């Protein structure tokens, strides 16, 4: 078992929380809840009907299920949840527990951030993607028709329990999605993640994210590196009407970002091949852009990305490592897109 502390700067209160990684750690939920201040009297458990994880707590529990699929990751779902909280009599001293994948923790976190202007939330991610990314760092949000996660809030959890037993029954596609996000971490540090076993690898990914989040909680700078591969990924998700899942899209986005970085002279062919080795060979993920939209359509969607401040913004590898790059030449992006789609 590993325990990683996420420590955040600023504020009068202690703003640190623990992420516990290991087998059977879901049994620590009551202990984690009892340590909250004020001590919660009720639990609002948010999950989905497909999540087969049993959660037990000594506190009175109100269960809320949200729909499966990105079409339910919207403001209407958050409104329904908050209305349910009100009907159950939840107060600012109670707690939301999100049990599920990244969609569940995103929605549960945003509902917790919104209800009574903010109540505590604890996450129990049940997917690899949720454990190493979505449940950690306080990013919450829902989609609009115009783009992914365009409405949300930074709302840190009070704790996260990553029970690796939940991964044993994951469908193959969910494993791919988690591996797509995990591949990203190979390029954020010089660590040899491939040499680690599952628990150590998940724990190290959590440590990397915790360190980045602590240095830039609200993504005003460095935290953007956690979006490596995501600019094209989000465009692919929308263009495919979410037939392409997030982690699958990220793996493709990583390779596109590497090709773009090479075209811009930021990395050489050997570094591009490292990306192909990790994404394609180590994790067995797709690296080519599927034909779900034209270059013009994908480019327009990338301009809507929430990182975009002045033109196109990409997170790119380079001589100083992975970093956000503002104002990337759209013509060059279009060239690389055209080659990828027509090659």
C-alpha atoms as a PDB file:
ATOM      1  CA  UNK A   1       0.000   0.000   0.000  1.00  0.00           C
ATOM      2  CA  UNK A   2       1.168   3.523  -0.811  1.00  0.00           C
ATOM      3  CA  UNK A   3      -0.030   6.789   0.662  1.00  0.00           C
ATOM      4  CA  UNK A   4       0.669   9.942  -1.346  1.00  0.00           C
ATOM      5  CA  UNK A   5      -0.007  13.384   0.110  1.00  0.00           C
ATOM      6  CA  UNK A   6      -1.265  16.161  -2.162  1.00  0.00           C
ATOM      7  CA  UNK A   7      -0.213  19.407  -0.461  1.00  0.00           C
ATOM      8  CA  UNK A   8      -1.614  22.691  -1.750  1.00  0.00           C
ATOM      9  CA  UNK A   9      -0.311  26.170  -1.061  1.00  0.00           C
ATOM     10  CA  UNK A  10      -2.425  29.087   0.145  1.00  0.00           C
ATOM     11  CA  UNK A  11      -5.419  29.409   2.423  1.00  0.00           C
ATOM     12  CA  UNK A  12      -5.683  29.491   6.176  1.00  0.00           C
ATOM     13  CA  UNK A  13      -6.580  25.806   6.537  1.00  0.00           C
ATOM     14  CA  UNK A  14      -4.542  22.685   5.959  1.00  0.00           C
ATOM     15  CA  UNK A  15      -5.241  21.956   2.310  1.00  0.00           C
ATOM     16  CA  UNK A  16      -3.500  18.623   2.024  1.00  0.00           C
ATOM     17  CA  UNK A  17      -5.174  15.280   1.463  1.00  0.00           C
ATOM     18  CA  UNK A  18      -4.115  11.685   1.047  1.00  0.00           C
ATOM     19  CA  UNK A  19      -4.346   9.426  -1.977  1.00  0.00           C
ATOM     20  CA  UNK A  20      -4.170   5.795  -0.838  1.00  0.00           C
ATOM     21  CA  UNK A  21      -3.156   3.189  -3.441  1.00  0.00           C
ATOM     22  CA  UNK A  22      -3.337  -0.550  -2.858  1.00  0.00           C
ATOM     23  CA  UNK A  23      -5.454  -3.675  -2.735  1.00  0.00           C
ATOM     24  CA  UNK A  24      -8.474  -3.568  -0.432  1.00  0.00           C
ATOM     25  CA  UNK A  25      -8.050   0.075   0.562  1.00  0.00           C
ATOM     26  CA  UNK A  26     -11.768   0.741   0.085  1.00  0.00           C
ATOM     27  CA  UNK A  27     -12.090  -0.628   3.622  1.00  0.00           C
ATOM     28  CA  UNK A  28     -10.494   2.622   4.809  1.00  0.00           C
ATOM     29  CA  UNK A  29     -13.469   4.750   3.711  1.00  0.00           C
ATOM     30  CA  UNK A  30     -15.009   5.088   7.180  1.00  0.00           C
ATOM     31  CA  UNK A  31     -11.636   6.027   8.646  1.00  0.00           C
ATOM     32  CA  UNK A  32     -11.163   8.692   5.979  1.00  0.00           C
ATOM     33  CA  UNK A  33     -14.670  10.104   6.496  1.00  0.00           C
ATOM     34  CA  UNK A  34     -14.321  10.219  10.289  1.00  0.00           C
ATOM     35  CA  UNK A  35     -11.193  12.375   9.923  1.00  0.00           C
ATOM     36  CA  UNK A  36     -13.090  15.127   8.059  1.00  0.00           C
ATOM     37  CA  UNK A  37     -13.885  18.387   9.816  1.00  0.00           C
ATOM     38  CA  UNK A  38     -16.676  18.953  10.490  1.00  0.00           C
ATOM     39  CA  UNK A  39     -17.470  15.266  10.914  1.00  0.00           C
ATOM     40  CA  UNK A  40     -20.119  14.398   8.297  1.00  0.00           C
ATOM     41  CA  UNK A  41     -23.487  13.057   9.388  1.00  0.00           C
ATOM     42  CA  UNK A  42     -24.653  11.818   5.962  1.00  0.00           C
ATOM     43  CA  UNK A  43     -23.073  10.520   2.779  1.00  0.00           C
ATOM     44  CA  UNK A  44     -24.300  11.229  -0.751  1.00  0.00           C
ATOM     45  CA  UNK A  45     -22.872   8.380  -2.808  1.00  0.00           C
ATOM     46  CA  UNK A  46     -22.724   9.106  -6.544  1.00  0.00           C
ATOM     47  CA  UNK A  47     -22.097   6.181  -8.860  1.00  0.00           C
ATOM     48  CA  UNK A  48     -23.432   4.417 -11.971  1.00  0.00           C
ATOM     49  CA  UNK A  49     -25.479   1.224 -12.330  1.00  0.00           C
ATOM     50  CA  UNK A  50     -22.545  -0.456 -14.100  1.00  0.00           C
ATOM     51  CA  UNK A  51     -20.165  -0.010 -11.145  1.00  0.00           C
ATOM     52  CA  UNK A  52     -20.003  -3.299  -9.287  1.00  0.00           C
ATOM     53  CA  UNK A  53     -18.072  -2.016  -6.277  1.00  0.00           C
ATOM     54  CA  UNK A  54     -19.734  -2.379  -2.907  1.00  0.00           C
ATOM     55  CA  UNK A  55     -19.210   0.612  -0.614  1.00  0.00           C
ATOM     56  CA  UNK A  56     -20.103   0.393   3.043  1.00  0.00           C
ATOM     57  CA  UNK A  57     -20.066   3.094   5.663  1.00  0.00           C
ATOM     58  CA  UNK A  58     -21.443   3.471   9.162  1.00  0.00           C
ATOM     59  CA  UNK A  59     -23.031   6.798   8.185  1.00  0.00           C
ATOM     60  CA  UNK A  60     -26.535   7.143   6.717  1.00  0.00           C
ATOM     61  CA  UNK A  61     -26.102   6.846   2.976  1.00  0.00           C
ATOM     62  CA  UNK A  62     -28.146   8.340   0.117  1.00  0.00           C
ATOM     63  CA  UNK A  63     -27.365   6.686  -3.208  1.00  0.00           C
ATOM     64  CA  UNK A  64     -27.546   8.586  -6.507  1.00  0.00           C
ATOM     65  CA  UNK A  65     -26.951   6.934  -9.887  1.00  0.00           C
ATOM     66  CA  UNK A  66     -26.080   8.908 -12.983  1.00  0.00           C
ATOM     67  CA  UNK A  67     -26.424   7.772 -16.581  1.00  0.00           C
ATOM     68  CA  UNK A  68     -23.707   5.979 -18.505  1.00  0.00           C
ATOM     69  CA  UNK A  69     -22.119   7.895 -21.353  1.00  0.00           C
ATOM     70  CA  UNK A  70     -20.809  11.371 -22.067  1.00  0.00           C
ATOM     71  CA  UNK A  71     -24.320  12.557 -22.957  1.00  0.00           C
ATOM     72  CA  UNK A  72     -25.058  12.518 -19.217  1.00  0.00           C
ATOM     73  CA  UNK A  73     -21.982  14.545 -18.308  1.00  0.00           C
ATOM     74  CA  UNK A  74     -23.870  17.817 -18.404  1.00  0.00           C
ATOM     75  CA  UNK A  75     -25.428  20.561 -16.316  1.00  0.00           C
ATOM     76  CA  UNK A  76     -28.782  18.787 -16.177  1.00  0.00           C
ATOM     77  CA  UNK A  77     -27.173  15.875 -14.307  1.00  0.00           C
ATOM     78  CA  UNK A  78     -25.547  18.254 -11.815  1.00  0.00           C
ATOM     79  CA  UNK A  79     -28.900  19.974 -11.260  1.00  0.00           C
ATOM     80  CA  UNK A  80     -30.623  16.628 -10.624  1.00  0.00           C
ATOM     81  CA  UNK A  81     -27.949  15.677  -8.106  1.00  0.00           C
ATOM     82  CA  UNK A  82     -28.120  18.964  -6.233  1.00  0.00           C
ATOM     83  CA  UNK A  83     -31.909  18.749  -6.086  1.00  0.00           C
ATOM     84  CA  UNK A  84     -31.501  15.241  -4.666  1.00  0.00           C
ATOM     85  CA  UNK A  85     -29.053  16.511  -2.060  1.00  0.00           C
ATOM     86  CA  UNK A  86     -31.557  19.164  -1.000  1.00  0.00           C
ATOM     87  CA  UNK A  87     -34.392  16.640  -0.759  1.00  0.00           C
ATOM     88  CA  UNK A  88     -32.181  14.393   1.388  1.00  0.00           C
ATOM     89  CA  UNK A  89     -31.446  17.305   3.702  1.00  0.00           C
ATOM     90  CA  UNK A  90     -27.693  17.363   3.136  1.00  0.00           C
ATOM     91  CA  UNK A  91     -25.899  20.275   4.766  1.00  0.00           C
ATOM     92  CA  UNK A  92     -22.531  21.902   4.211  1.00  0.00           C
ATOM     93  CA  UNK A  93     -21.153  19.562   6.882  1.00  0.00           C
ATOM     94  CA  UNK A  94     -21.972  16.385   4.969  1.00  0.00           C
ATOM     95  CA  UNK A  95     -19.923  14.644   2.286  1.00  0.00           C
ATOM     96  CA  UNK A  96     -20.211  13.448  -1.312  1.00  0.00           C
ATOM     97  CA  UNK A  97     -18.485  10.184  -2.221  1.00  0.00           C
ATOM     98  CA  UNK A  98     -17.883   9.564  -5.926  1.00  0.00           C
ATOM     99  CA  UNK A  99     -17.477   5.889  -6.860  1.00  0.00           C
ATOM    100  CA  UNK A 100     -16.690   5.183 -10.488  1.00  0.00           C
ATOM    101  CA  UNK A 101     -14.575   6.256 -13.414  1.00  0.00           C
ATOM    102  CA  UNK A 102     -13.457   9.690 -14.508  1.00  0.00           C
ATOM    103  CA  UNK A 103     -16.926  10.785 -15.556  1.00  0.00           C
ATOM    104  CA  UNK A 104     -18.321   9.979 -12.107  1.00  0.00           C
ATOM    105  CA  UNK A 105     -15.560  11.785 -10.218  1.00  0.00           C
ATOM    106  CA  UNK A 106     -15.806  14.813 -12.541  1.00  0.00           C
ATOM    107  CA  UNK A 107     -19.569  15.097 -12.050  1.00  0.00           C
ATOM    108  CA  UNK A 108     -19.516  14.240  -8.343  1.00  0.00           C
ATOM    109  CA  UNK A 109     -16.788  16.803  -7.745  1.00  0.00           C
ATOM    110  CA  UNK A 110     -18.645  19.536  -9.585  1.00  0.00           C
ATOM    111  CA  UNK A 111     -21.894  18.770  -7.763  1.00  0.00           C
ATOM    112  CA  UNK A 112     -20.013  18.908  -4.443  1.00  0.00           C
ATOM    113  CA  UNK A 113     -18.363  22.194  -5.435  1.00  0.00           C
ATOM    114  CA  UNK A 114     -21.742  23.687  -6.356  1.00  0.00           C
ATOM    115  CA  UNK A 115     -24.059  22.507  -3.579  1.00  0.00           C
ATOM    116  CA  UNK A 116     -24.163  25.012  -0.700  1.00  0.00           C
ATOM    117  CA  UNK A 117     -21.207  26.642  -2.501  1.00  0.00           C
ATOM    118  CA  UNK A 118     -19.050  23.671  -1.644  1.00  0.00           C
ATOM    119  CA  UNK A 119     -19.179  20.522   0.493  1.00  0.00           C
ATOM    120  CA  UNK A 120     -16.529  17.850   1.032  1.00  0.00           C
ATOM    121  CA  UNK A 121     -15.981  15.152  -1.556  1.00  0.00           C
ATOM    122  CA  UNK A 122     -14.073  11.868  -1.353  1.00  0.00           C
ATOM    123  CA  UNK A 123     -13.335   9.890  -4.506  1.00  0.00           C
ATOM    124  CA  UNK A 124     -13.159   6.121  -4.948  1.00  0.00           C
ATOM    125  CA  UNK A 125     -12.003   5.751  -8.573  1.00  0.00           C
ATOM    126  CA  UNK A 126     -12.709   2.336 -10.058  1.00  0.00           C
ATOM    127  CA  UNK A 127     -10.791   2.704 -13.334  1.00  0.00           C
ATOM    128  CA  UNK A 128      -7.093   3.078 -14.041  1.00  0.00           C
ATOM    129  CA  UNK A 129      -7.743   6.429 -15.736  1.00  0.00           C
ATOM    130  CA  UNK A 130      -9.597   7.660 -12.667  1.00  0.00           C
ATOM    131  CA  UNK A 131      -6.860   6.530 -10.290  1.00  0.00           C
ATOM    132  CA  UNK A 132      -3.949   8.184 -12.061  1.00  0.00           C
ATOM    133  CA  UNK A 133      -5.700  11.267 -13.368  1.00  0.00           C
ATOM    134  CA  UNK A 134      -9.370  12.215 -13.044  1.00  0.00           C
ATOM    135  CA  UNK A 135      -9.866  11.707  -9.298  1.00  0.00           C
ATOM    136  CA  UNK A 136      -6.755  13.639  -8.271  1.00  0.00           C
ATOM    137  CA  UNK A 137      -6.083  17.356  -8.407  1.00  0.00           C
ATOM    138  CA  UNK A 138      -9.506  18.937  -8.014  1.00  0.00           C
ATOM    139  CA  UNK A 139     -10.508  19.449 -11.635  1.00  0.00           C
ATOM    140  CA  UNK A 140     -14.247  18.963 -11.948  1.00  0.00           C
ATOM    141  CA  UNK A 141     -16.597  19.737 -14.793  1.00  0.00           C
ATOM    142  CA  UNK A 142     -19.199  18.832 -17.355  1.00  0.00           C
ATOM    143  CA  UNK A 143     -19.529  19.184 -21.096  1.00  0.00           C
ATOM    144  CA  UNK A 144     -21.360  21.632 -23.329  1.00  0.00           C
ATOM    145  CA  UNK A 145     -22.349  20.861 -26.923  1.00  0.00           C
ATOM    146  CA  UNK A 146     -19.466  23.145 -27.909  1.00  0.00           C
ATOM    147  CA  UNK A 147     -16.752  21.214 -26.081  1.00  0.00           C
ATOM    148  CA  UNK A 148     -15.534  18.989 -23.261  1.00  0.00           C
ATOM    149  CA  UNK A 149     -15.355  20.168 -19.646  1.00  0.00           C
ATOM    150  CA  UNK A 150     -16.125  23.786 -20.527  1.00  0.00           C
ATOM    151  CA  UNK A 151     -18.104  24.316 -17.291  1.00  0.00           C
ATOM    152  CA  UNK A 152     -16.619  23.317 -13.965  1.00  0.00           C
ATOM    153  CA  UNK A 153     -14.667  24.299 -10.891  1.00  0.00           C
ATOM    154  CA  UNK A 154     -11.407  23.560  -9.130  1.00  0.00           C
ATOM    155  CA  UNK A 155     -12.585  21.674  -6.047  1.00  0.00           C
ATOM    156  CA  UNK A 156     -10.078  19.483  -4.260  1.00  0.00           C
ATOM    157  CA  UNK A 157     -11.228  16.183  -2.752  1.00  0.00           C
ATOM    158  CA  UNK A 158     -10.733  15.512   0.933  1.00  0.00           C
ATOM    159  CA  UNK A 159      -9.253  12.126   0.123  1.00  0.00           C
ATOM    160  CA  UNK A 160      -8.943   9.496  -2.612  1.00  0.00           C
ATOM    161  CA  UNK A 161      -8.975   5.701  -2.277  1.00  0.00           C
ATOM    162  CA  UNK A 162      -7.496   3.841  -5.256  1.00  0.00           C
ATOM    163  CA  UNK A 163      -8.427   0.211  -4.636  1.00  0.00           C
ATOM    164  CA  UNK A 164      -6.529  -1.837  -7.198  1.00  0.00           C
ATOM    165  CA  UNK A 165      -8.939  -4.740  -6.717  1.00  0.00           C
ATOM    166  CA  UNK A 166     -11.429  -2.745  -8.794  1.00  0.00           C
ATOM    167  CA  UNK A 167      -9.171  -3.076 -11.848  1.00  0.00           C
ATOM    168  CA  UNK A 168      -9.497  -6.878 -11.974  1.00  0.00           C
ATOM    169  CA  UNK A 169     -12.905  -6.725 -13.641  1.00  0.00           C
ATOM    170  CA  UNK A 170     -12.279  -3.771 -15.967  1.00  0.00           C
ATOM    171  CA  UNK A 171     -13.359  -4.297 -19.579  1.00  0.00           C
ATOM    172  CA  UNK A 172     -10.487  -4.313 -22.054  1.00  0.00           C
ATOM    173  CA  UNK A 173     -11.504  -0.905 -23.395  1.00  0.00           C
ATOM    174  CA  UNK A 174     -11.296   0.676 -19.937  1.00  0.00           C
ATOM    175  CA  UNK A 175      -7.803  -0.772 -19.545  1.00  0.00           C
ATOM    176  CA  UNK A 176      -6.810   0.838 -22.853  1.00  0.00           C
ATOM    177  CA  UNK A 177      -8.202   4.170 -21.677  1.00  0.00           C
ATOM    178  CA  UNK A 178      -6.154   4.021 -18.508  1.00  0.00           C
ATOM    179  CA  UNK A 179      -3.057   3.048 -20.413  1.00  0.00           C
ATOM    180  CA  UNK A 180      -3.540   6.037 -22.717  1.00  0.00           C
ATOM    181  CA  UNK A 181      -3.286   8.389 -19.736  1.00  0.00           C
ATOM    182  CA  UNK A 182      -0.503   6.352 -18.142  1.00  0.00           C
ATOM    183  CA  UNK A 183       1.585   6.602 -21.323  1.00  0.00           C
ATOM    184  CA  UNK A 184       1.568  10.380 -20.859  1.00  0.00           C
ATOM    185  CA  UNK A 185       3.457  10.102 -17.569  1.00  0.00           C
ATOM    186  CA  UNK A 186       6.390   8.383 -19.290  1.00  0.00           C
ATOM    187  CA  UNK A 187       7.266  11.708 -20.925  1.00  0.00           C
ATOM    188  CA  UNK A 188       6.711  14.037 -17.959  1.00  0.00           C
ATOM    189  CA  UNK A 189       9.721  12.704 -16.045  1.00  0.00           C
ATOM    190  CA  UNK A 190      12.757  10.587 -16.791  1.00  0.00           C
ATOM    191  CA  UNK A 191      11.370   7.696 -14.752  1.00  0.00           C
ATOM    192  CA  UNK A 192      11.418   4.178 -16.149  1.00  0.00           C
ATOM    193  CA  UNK A 193       7.758   3.474 -15.403  1.00  0.00           C
ATOM    194  CA  UNK A 194       7.875   0.344 -17.541  1.00  0.00           C
ATOM    195  CA  UNK A 195      10.121  -1.308 -14.939  1.00  0.00           C
ATOM    196  CA  UNK A 196       7.551  -0.942 -12.140  1.00  0.00           C
ATOM    197  CA  UNK A 197       4.773  -3.323 -11.124  1.00  0.00           C
ATOM    198  CA  UNK A 198       1.163  -2.112 -11.252  1.00  0.00           C
ATOM    199  CA  UNK A 199       0.929  -0.790  -7.685  1.00  0.00           C
ATOM    200  CA  UNK A 200       4.257   1.014  -7.924  1.00  0.00           C
ATOM    201  CA  UNK A 201       3.423   2.412 -11.367  1.00  0.00           C
ATOM    202  CA  UNK A 202       0.024   3.732 -10.261  1.00  0.00           C
ATOM    203  CA  UNK A 203       1.609   5.156  -7.122  1.00  0.00           C
ATOM    204  CA  UNK A 204       4.348   6.890  -9.105  1.00  0.00           C
ATOM    205  CA  UNK A 205       1.807   8.405 -11.527  1.00  0.00           C
ATOM    206  CA  UNK A 206      -0.113   9.739  -8.512  1.00  0.00           C
ATOM    207  CA  UNK A 207       3.112  11.211  -7.085  1.00  0.00           C
ATOM    208  CA  UNK A 208       3.889  12.956 -10.372  1.00  0.00           C
ATOM    209  CA  UNK A 209       0.430  14.440 -10.625  1.00  0.00           C
ATOM    210  CA  UNK A 210       0.422  15.445  -6.948  1.00  0.00           C
ATOM    211  CA  UNK A 211       3.691  17.333  -7.361  1.00  0.00           C
ATOM    212  CA  UNK A 212       2.496  19.168 -10.473  1.00  0.00           C
ATOM    213  CA  UNK A 213      -0.871  20.073  -8.928  1.00  0.00           C
ATOM    214  CA  UNK A 214       0.816  21.354  -5.757  1.00  0.00           C
ATOM    215  CA  UNK A 215       2.919  23.718  -7.848  1.00  0.00           C
ATOM    216  CA  UNK A 216       0.034  25.064  -9.947  1.00  0.00           C
ATOM    217  CA  UNK A 217      -3.396  24.211  -8.558  1.00  0.00           C
ATOM    218  CA  UNK A 218      -5.464  26.288 -10.984  1.00  0.00           C
ATOM    219  CA  UNK A 219      -3.522  25.594 -14.163  1.00  0.00           C
ATOM    220  CA  UNK A 220      -2.095  29.060 -14.640  1.00  0.00           C
ATOM    221  CA  UNK A 221       1.124  27.584 -15.963  1.00  0.00           C
ATOM    222  CA  UNK A 222       2.928  24.323 -15.299  1.00  0.00           C
ATOM    223  CA  UNK A 223      -0.143  22.182 -14.594  1.00  0.00           C
ATOM    224  CA  UNK A 224      -0.992  22.366 -18.288  1.00  0.00           C
ATOM    225  CA  UNK A 225       1.671  19.698 -18.917  1.00  0.00           C
ATOM    226  CA  UNK A 226      -0.841  17.175 -17.556  1.00  0.00           C
ATOM    227  CA  UNK A 227      -2.837  17.882 -20.727  1.00  0.00           C
ATOM    228  CA  UNK A 228      -0.100  16.424 -22.915  1.00  0.00           C
ATOM    229  CA  UNK A 229      -1.838  14.818 -25.885  1.00  0.00           C
ATOM    230  CA  UNK A 230      -5.213  16.254 -24.917  1.00  0.00           C
ATOM    231  CA  UNK A 231      -5.668  19.050 -27.475  1.00  0.00           C
ATOM    232  CA  UNK A 232      -6.267  16.700 -30.381  1.00  0.00           C
ATOM    233  CA  UNK A 233      -7.747  14.082 -28.036  1.00  0.00           C
ATOM    234  CA  UNK A 234     -10.662  16.293 -27.011  1.00  0.00           C
ATOM    235  CA  UNK A 235     -11.292  17.198 -30.659  1.00  0.00           C
ATOM    236  CA  UNK A 236     -11.401  13.513 -31.610  1.00  0.00           C
ATOM    237  CA  UNK A 237     -13.826  12.729 -28.812  1.00  0.00           C
ATOM    238  CA  UNK A 238     -16.244  15.426 -29.955  1.00  0.00           C
ATOM    239  CA  UNK A 239     -15.836  14.728 -33.688  1.00  0.00           C
ATOM    240  CA  UNK A 240     -16.587  11.030 -33.097  1.00  0.00           C
ATOM    241  CA  UNK A 241     -19.606  11.865 -30.900  1.00  0.00           C
ATOM    242  CA  UNK A 242     -17.602  10.196 -28.106  1.00  0.00           C
ATOM    243  CA  UNK A 243     -17.318   6.868 -29.921  1.00  0.00           C
ATOM    244  CA  UNK A 244     -13.607   7.339 -29.253  1.00  0.00           C
ATOM    245  CA  UNK A 245     -13.098   7.203 -25.491  1.00  0.00           C
ATOM    246  CA  UNK A 246     -10.883   9.676 -23.670  1.00  0.00           C
ATOM    247  CA  UNK A 247      -7.869   7.482 -23.005  1.00  0.00           C
ATOM    248  CA  UNK A 248      -7.954   6.081 -26.537  1.00  0.00           C
ATOM    249  CA  UNK A 249      -7.958   9.617 -27.884  1.00  0.00           C
ATOM    250  CA  UNK A 250      -5.073  10.660 -25.621  1.00  0.00           C
ATOM    251  CA  UNK A 251      -2.812   7.935 -27.002  1.00  0.00           C
ATOM    252  CA  UNK A 252      -3.427   9.245 -30.534  1.00  0.00           C
ATOM    253  CA  UNK A 253      -3.006  12.814 -29.306  1.00  0.00           C
ATOM    254  CA  UNK A 254       0.386  12.020 -27.777  1.00  0.00           C
ATOM    255  CA  UNK A 255       1.732  10.815 -31.104  1.00  0.00           C
ATOM    256  CA  UNK A 256       0.241  13.776 -32.956  1.00  0.00           C
ATOM    257  CA  UNK A 257       1.824  16.185 -30.450  1.00  0.00           C
ATOM    258  CA  UNK A 258       5.176  14.440 -30.926  1.00  0.00           C
ATOM    259  CA  UNK A 259       4.897  14.690 -34.728  1.00  0.00           C
ATOM    260  CA  UNK A 260       3.982  18.359 -34.405  1.00  0.00           C
ATOM    261  CA  UNK A 261       6.929  18.967 -32.073  1.00  0.00           C
ATOM    262  CA  UNK A 262       9.269  17.319 -34.567  1.00  0.00           C
ATOM    263  CA  UNK A 263       7.870  19.448 -37.422  1.00  0.00           C
ATOM    264  CA  UNK A 264       8.481  22.563 -35.318  1.00  0.00           C
ATOM    265  CA  UNK A 265      12.077  21.487 -34.658  1.00  0.00           C
ATOM    266  CA  UNK A 266      11.534  20.919 -30.949  1.00  0.00           C
ATOM    267  CA  UNK A 267      12.439  17.199 -30.922  1.00  0.00           C
ATOM    268  CA  UNK A 268      14.275  14.833 -33.231  1.00  0.00           C
ATOM    269  CA  UNK A 269      13.217  11.596 -34.908  1.00  0.00           C
ATOM    270  CA  UNK A 270      14.663   9.495 -32.094  1.00  0.00           C
ATOM    271  CA  UNK A 271      12.420  11.208 -29.533  1.00  0.00           C
ATOM    272  CA  UNK A 272       9.398  10.707 -31.795  1.00  0.00           C
ATOM    273  CA  UNK A 273      10.280   7.026 -31.982  1.00  0.00           C
ATOM    274  CA  UNK A 274      10.371   6.886 -28.165  1.00  0.00           C
ATOM    275  CA  UNK A 275       6.748   8.045 -28.181  1.00  0.00           C
ATOM    276  CA  UNK A 276       5.840   5.379 -30.734  1.00  0.00           C
ATOM    277  CA  UNK A 277       7.638   2.723 -28.681  1.00  0.00           C
ATOM    278  CA  UNK A 278       5.799   3.582 -25.460  1.00  0.00           C
ATOM    279  CA  UNK A 279       2.345   4.216 -26.910  1.00  0.00           C
ATOM    280  CA  UNK A 280       2.307   1.625 -29.675  1.00  0.00           C
ATOM    281  CA  UNK A 281       4.619  -1.127 -28.458  1.00  0.00           C
ATOM    282  CA  UNK A 282       4.594  -1.013 -24.643  1.00  0.00           C
ATOM    283  CA  UNK A 283       0.876  -0.315 -24.264  1.00  0.00           C
ATOM    284  CA  UNK A 284      -0.382  -1.604 -27.617  1.00  0.00           C
ATOM    285  CA  UNK A 285      -2.436   1.535 -28.285  1.00  0.00           C
ATOM    286  CA  UNK A 286      -3.479   3.119 -31.558  1.00  0.00           C
ATOM    287  CA  UNK A 287      -1.232   5.860 -32.875  1.00  0.00           C
ATOM    288  CA  UNK A 288      -2.938   6.925 -36.103  1.00  0.00           C
ATOM    289  CA  UNK A 289      -5.720   9.506 -36.361  1.00  0.00           C
ATOM    290  CA  UNK A 290      -9.033   7.865 -37.336  1.00  0.00           C
ATOM    291  CA  UNK A 291     -11.115   9.458 -40.057  1.00  0.00           C
ATOM    292  CA  UNK A 292     -13.818  10.915 -37.816  1.00  0.00           C
ATOM    293  CA  UNK A 293     -13.628  14.424 -39.226  1.00  0.00           C
ATOM    294  CA  UNK A 294     -11.819  16.533 -41.777  1.00  0.00           C
ATOM    295  CA  UNK A 295      -8.674  18.480 -40.950  1.00  0.00           C
ATOM    296  CA  UNK A 296     -10.765  21.671 -40.985  1.00  0.00           C
ATOM    297  CA  UNK A 297     -13.271  20.230 -38.492  1.00  0.00           C
ATOM    298  CA  UNK A 298     -10.585  18.974 -36.114  1.00  0.00           C
ATOM    299  CA  UNK A 299      -8.705  22.274 -36.344  1.00  0.00           C
ATOM    300  CA  UNK A 300     -11.860  24.225 -35.478  1.00  0.00           C
ATOM    301  CA  UNK A 301     -12.471  21.994 -32.459  1.00  0.00           C
ATOM    302  CA  UNK A 302      -8.896  22.489 -31.283  1.00  0.00           C
ATOM    303  CA  UNK A 303      -9.366  26.261 -31.416  1.00  0.00           C
ATOM    304  CA  UNK A 304     -12.217  25.789 -28.887  1.00  0.00           C
ATOM    305  CA  UNK A 305      -9.991  23.926 -26.446  1.00  0.00           C
ATOM    306  CA  UNK A 306     -10.084  25.576 -23.023  1.00  0.00           C
ATOM    307  CA  UNK A 307      -6.282  25.908 -22.993  1.00  0.00           C
ATOM    308  CA  UNK A 308      -6.481  28.134 -26.064  1.00  0.00           C
ATOM    309  CA  UNK A 309      -5.776  31.731 -25.030  1.00  0.00           C
ATOM    310  CA  UNK A 310      -4.110  33.292 -28.051  1.00  0.00           C
ATOM    311  CA  UNK A 311      -4.693  31.060 -31.054  1.00  0.00           C
ATOM    312  CA  UNK A 312      -3.829  27.383 -30.800  1.00  0.00           C
ATOM    313  CA  UNK A 313      -2.189  26.159 -27.604  1.00  0.00           C
ATOM    314  CA  UNK A 314      -0.496  22.773 -27.437  1.00  0.00           C
ATOM    315  CA  UNK A 315       1.487  20.969 -24.792  1.00  0.00           C
ATOM    316  CA  UNK A 316       4.626  19.892 -26.641  1.00  0.00           C
ATOM    317  CA  UNK A 317       7.844  18.057 -25.933  1.00  0.00           C
ATOM    318  CA  UNK A 318      11.051  19.952 -26.487  1.00  0.00           C
ATOM    319  CA  UNK A 319      14.578  20.716 -25.276  1.00  0.00           C
ATOM    320  CA  UNK A 320      13.215  21.826 -21.889  1.00  0.00           C
ATOM    321  CA  UNK A 321      10.874  18.869 -21.580  1.00  0.00           C
ATOM    322  CA  UNK A 322       7.102  18.873 -21.961  1.00  0.00           C
ATOM    323  CA  UNK A 323       5.644  22.384 -21.711  1.00  0.00           C
ATOM    324  CA  UNK A 324       2.657  24.447 -22.908  1.00  0.00           C
ATOM    325  CA  UNK A 325       3.272  26.367 -26.131  1.00  0.00           C
ATOM    326  CA  UNK A 326       0.946  29.274 -26.941  1.00  0.00           C
ATOM    327  CA  UNK A 327       0.271  30.563 -30.440  1.00  0.00           C
ATOM    328  CA  UNK A 328       1.243  27.478 -32.449  1.00  0.00           C
ATOM    329  CA  UNK A 329       1.039  28.218 -36.189  1.00  0.00           C
ATOM    330  CA  UNK A 330      -2.315  26.878 -37.413  1.00  0.00           C
ATOM    331  CA  UNK A 331      -0.890  26.302 -40.886  1.00  0.00           C
ATOM    332  CA  UNK A 332       1.730  23.917 -39.499  1.00  0.00           C
ATOM    333  CA  UNK A 333      -0.888  22.095 -37.425  1.00  0.00           C
ATOM    334  CA  UNK A 334      -3.028  21.765 -40.545  1.00  0.00           C
ATOM    335  CA  UNK A 335      -0.068  20.328 -42.497  1.00  0.00           C
ATOM    336  CA  UNK A 336       0.594  17.665 -39.863  1.00  0.00           C
ATOM    337  CA  UNK A 337      -3.123  16.863 -39.678  1.00  0.00           C
ATOM    338  CA  UNK A 338      -3.384  16.516 -43.444  1.00  0.00           C
ATOM    339  CA  UNK A 339      -0.388  14.173 -43.550  1.00  0.00           C
ATOM    340  CA  UNK A 340      -1.761  12.064 -40.712  1.00  0.00           C
ATOM    341  CA  UNK A 341      -5.246  11.799 -42.225  1.00  0.00           C
ATOM    342  CA  UNK A 342      -4.092  11.171 -45.781  1.00  0.00           C
ATOM    343  CA  UNK A 343      -0.889   9.261 -45.163  1.00  0.00           C
END
